[in-house]
Amino acid sequence: MAKLKKYRECIEQLLTQYAARDSGEDGVEAQKIFDTEHDHYQLIYVGWHNERRVYGPVMHLDIKDGKIWIQWNGTEDDIAAELMEMGVLKQDIVLGFHLPRMRQFTDFAVG
């Protein structure tokens, strides 16, 4: 349970840092969504920019079976490396955006 609590805190810290960096810029808000009961975490953009609607996910992470699944990373940053710097074990990170059969060729968990 201690590991699960730590992983939740790492994800929330990561998304909070990104939201603080991007929030309020040009009328677009960065919203954090934390479902700690089911372990789903997202950062989304919502708002208007130059009379165009902006809405979409920036990051989506889940915790499944004690591992952090990076389902979507819409940034150019290596958030897996950032999570490892926070103390998350490499073997506890799954790159969910890769095909399941391709995950074996990464240095991360396969699922």
C-alpha atoms as a PDB file:
ATOM      1  CA  MET A   1       0.000   0.000   0.000  1.00  0.00           C
ATOM      2  CA  ALA A   2       2.933   2.360   0.647  1.00  0.00           C
ATOM      3  CA  LYS A   3       4.087   1.968  -2.960  1.00  0.00           C
ATOM      4  CA  LEU A   4       0.593   2.690  -4.286  1.00  0.00           C
ATOM      5  CA  LYS A   5       0.348   5.826  -2.134  1.00  0.00           C
ATOM      6  CA  LYS A   6       3.780   6.989  -3.342  1.00  0.00           C
ATOM      7  CA  TYR A   7       2.862   6.388  -7.002  1.00  0.00           C
ATOM      8  CA  ARG A   8      -0.379   8.334  -6.610  1.00  0.00           C
ATOM      9  CA  GLU A   9       1.569  11.231  -5.084  1.00  0.00           C
ATOM     10  CA  CYS A  10       4.130  11.151  -7.907  1.00  0.00           C
ATOM     11  CA  ILE A  11       1.437  11.277 -10.591  1.00  0.00           C
ATOM     12  CA  GLU A  12      -0.437  14.082  -8.851  1.00  0.00           C
ATOM     13  CA  GLN A  13       2.793  16.057  -8.418  1.00  0.00           C
ATOM     14  CA  LEU A  14       3.709  15.577 -12.085  1.00  0.00           C
ATOM     15  CA  LEU A  15       0.308  16.713 -13.378  1.00  0.00           C
ATOM     16  CA  THR A  16       0.205  19.619 -10.931  1.00  0.00           C
ATOM     17  CA  GLN A  17       3.596  20.854 -12.162  1.00  0.00           C
ATOM     18  CA  TYR A  18       2.479  20.713 -15.799  1.00  0.00           C
ATOM     19  CA  ALA A  19      -0.855  22.390 -15.012  1.00  0.00           C
ATOM     20  CA  ALA A  20       0.897  25.237 -13.199  1.00  0.00           C
ATOM     21  CA  ARG A  21       3.186  25.760 -16.176  1.00  0.00           C
ATOM     22  CA  ASP A  22       0.386  25.909 -18.725  1.00  0.00           C
ATOM     23  CA  SER A  23      -2.715  27.159 -16.882  1.00  0.00           C
ATOM     24  CA  GLY A  24      -4.476  30.342 -17.938  1.00  0.00           C
ATOM     25  CA  GLU A  25      -2.373  30.959 -21.010  1.00  0.00           C
ATOM     26  CA  ASP A  26      -4.374  32.639 -23.793  1.00  0.00           C
ATOM     27  CA  GLY A  27      -7.745  31.747 -22.231  1.00  0.00           C
ATOM     28  CA  VAL A  28      -6.982  28.030 -22.117  1.00  0.00           C
ATOM     29  CA  GLU A  29      -7.148  26.346 -18.735  1.00  0.00           C
ATOM     30  CA  ALA A  30      -5.149  23.258 -17.766  1.00  0.00           C
ATOM     31  CA  GLN A  31      -7.442  21.069 -15.664  1.00  0.00           C
ATOM     32  CA  LYS A  32      -6.264  18.208 -13.478  1.00  0.00           C
ATOM     33  CA  ILE A  33      -8.558  15.227 -13.094  1.00  0.00           C
ATOM     34  CA  PHE A  34      -7.693  12.870 -10.238  1.00  0.00           C
ATOM     35  CA  ASP A  35      -9.851   9.769  -9.755  1.00  0.00           C
ATOM     36  CA  THR A  36      -8.020   8.272  -6.794  1.00  0.00           C
ATOM     37  CA  GLU A  37     -10.711   5.645  -6.209  1.00  0.00           C
ATOM     38  CA  HIS A  38     -10.163   4.038  -9.628  1.00  0.00           C
ATOM     39  CA  ASP A  39      -6.617   5.383 -10.182  1.00  0.00           C
ATOM     40  CA  HIS A  40      -7.220   7.388 -13.364  1.00  0.00           C
ATOM     41  CA  TYR A  41      -5.362  10.686 -13.738  1.00  0.00           C
ATOM     42  CA  GLN A  42      -5.541  13.233 -16.550  1.00  0.00           C
ATOM     43  CA  LEU A  43      -4.448  16.712 -17.489  1.00  0.00           C
ATOM     44  CA  ILE A  44      -6.668  18.326 -20.113  1.00  0.00           C
ATOM     45  CA  TYR A  45      -6.849  21.693 -21.846  1.00  0.00           C
ATOM     46  CA  VAL A  46     -10.190  23.516 -21.918  1.00  0.00           C
ATOM     47  CA  GLY A  47     -10.981  26.961 -23.276  1.00  0.00           C
ATOM     48  CA  TRP A  48     -10.788  29.246 -26.281  1.00  0.00           C
ATOM     49  CA  HIS A  49      -7.815  30.534 -28.232  1.00  0.00           C
ATOM     50  CA  ASN A  50      -8.195  32.956 -31.163  1.00  0.00           C
ATOM     51  CA  GLU A  51     -11.913  32.168 -31.438  1.00  0.00           C
ATOM     52  CA  ARG A  52     -11.199  28.439 -31.692  1.00  0.00           C
ATOM     53  CA  ARG A  53     -12.332  25.891 -29.130  1.00  0.00           C
ATOM     54  CA  VAL A  54      -9.536  24.069 -27.342  1.00  0.00           C
ATOM     55  CA  TYR A  55     -10.343  20.805 -25.606  1.00  0.00           C
ATOM     56  CA  GLY A  56      -8.261  17.702 -25.279  1.00  0.00           C
ATOM     57  CA  PRO A  57      -6.034  15.516 -23.205  1.00  0.00           C
ATOM     58  CA  VAL A  58      -2.440  16.449 -22.503  1.00  0.00           C
ATOM     59  CA  MET A  59      -1.605  13.460 -20.296  1.00  0.00           C
ATOM     60  CA  HIS A  60      -3.446  10.370 -19.128  1.00  0.00           C
ATOM     61  CA  LEU A  61      -1.979   7.989 -16.574  1.00  0.00           C
ATOM     62  CA  ASP A  62      -3.518   5.039 -14.758  1.00  0.00           C
ATOM     63  CA  ILE A  63      -2.347   2.775 -11.982  1.00  0.00           C
ATOM     64  CA  LYS A  64      -3.115  -0.892 -12.685  1.00  0.00           C
ATOM     65  CA  ASP A  65      -1.806  -3.860 -10.735  1.00  0.00           C
ATOM     66  CA  GLY A  66       0.745  -1.678  -8.940  1.00  0.00           C
ATOM     67  CA  LYS A  67       2.183  -0.198 -12.143  1.00  0.00           C
ATOM     68  CA  ILE A  68       1.867   3.262 -13.658  1.00  0.00           C
ATOM     69  CA  TRP A  69       0.478   3.094 -17.182  1.00  0.00           C
ATOM     70  CA  ILE A  70       1.275   6.099 -19.348  1.00  0.00           C
ATOM     71  CA  GLN A  71      -1.771   5.974 -21.624  1.00  0.00           C
ATOM     72  CA  TRP A  72      -1.130   9.281 -23.376  1.00  0.00           C
ATOM     73  CA  ASN A  73       1.605  11.893 -23.328  1.00  0.00           C
ATOM     74  CA  GLY A  74       0.795  14.850 -25.542  1.00  0.00           C
ATOM     75  CA  THR A  75       3.984  16.683 -24.593  1.00  0.00           C
ATOM     76  CA  GLU A  76       7.486  16.416 -25.972  1.00  0.00           C
ATOM     77  CA  ASP A  77       8.795  15.672 -22.483  1.00  0.00           C
ATOM     78  CA  ASP A  78       9.873  12.254 -21.226  1.00  0.00           C
ATOM     79  CA  ILE A  79       7.440  11.882 -18.353  1.00  0.00           C
ATOM     80  CA  ALA A  80       8.604   8.303 -17.723  1.00  0.00           C
ATOM     81  CA  ALA A  81      12.065   9.703 -16.908  1.00  0.00           C
ATOM     82  CA  GLU A  82      10.481  12.350 -14.688  1.00  0.00           C
ATOM     83  CA  LEU A  83       8.563   9.665 -12.807  1.00  0.00           C
ATOM     84  CA  MET A  84      11.764   7.657 -12.337  1.00  0.00           C
ATOM     85  CA  GLU A  85      13.483  10.766 -10.938  1.00  0.00           C
ATOM     86  CA  MET A  86      10.667  10.882  -8.379  1.00  0.00           C
ATOM     87  CA  GLY A  87      11.440   7.317  -7.338  1.00  0.00           C
ATOM     88  CA  VAL A  88       9.118   5.239  -9.526  1.00  0.00           C
ATOM     89  CA  LEU A  89      10.781   1.990 -10.549  1.00  0.00           C
ATOM     90  CA  LYS A  90      11.364   1.504 -14.279  1.00  0.00           C
ATOM     91  CA  GLN A  91       9.814  -1.977 -14.087  1.00  0.00           C
ATOM     92  CA  ASP A  92       6.649  -0.351 -12.673  1.00  0.00           C
ATOM     93  CA  ILE A  93       6.097   1.919 -15.693  1.00  0.00           C
ATOM     94  CA  VAL A  94       4.131   0.674 -18.709  1.00  0.00           C
ATOM     95  CA  LEU A  95       4.118   2.656 -21.940  1.00  0.00           C
ATOM     96  CA  GLY A  96       0.455   1.976 -22.658  1.00  0.00           C
ATOM     97  CA  PHE A  97       0.541   3.979 -25.890  1.00  0.00           C
ATOM     98  CA  HIS A  98       2.813   1.331 -27.473  1.00  0.00           C
ATOM     99  CA  LEU A  99       1.349  -1.776 -29.074  1.00  0.00           C
ATOM    100  CA  PRO A 100       1.338  -4.602 -26.521  1.00  0.00           C
ATOM    101  CA  ARG A 101       3.602  -6.742 -28.711  1.00  0.00           C
ATOM    102  CA  MET A 102       6.114  -3.874 -29.032  1.00  0.00           C
ATOM    103  CA  ARG A 103       6.463  -3.189 -25.285  1.00  0.00           C
ATOM    104  CA  GLN A 104       8.930  -6.066 -24.918  1.00  0.00           C
ATOM    105  CA  PHE A 105      11.456  -4.018 -26.892  1.00  0.00           C
ATOM    106  CA  THR A 106      11.422  -1.113 -24.391  1.00  0.00           C
ATOM    107  CA  ASP A 107      13.251  -0.975 -21.092  1.00  0.00           C
ATOM    108  CA  PHE A 108       9.916  -0.631 -19.305  1.00  0.00           C
ATOM    109  CA  ALA A 109       7.284  -3.082 -18.066  1.00  0.00           C
ATOM    110  CA  VAL A 110       5.169  -4.896 -20.651  1.00  0.00           C
ATOM    111  CA  GLY A 111       1.945  -4.813 -18.672  1.00  0.00           C
END
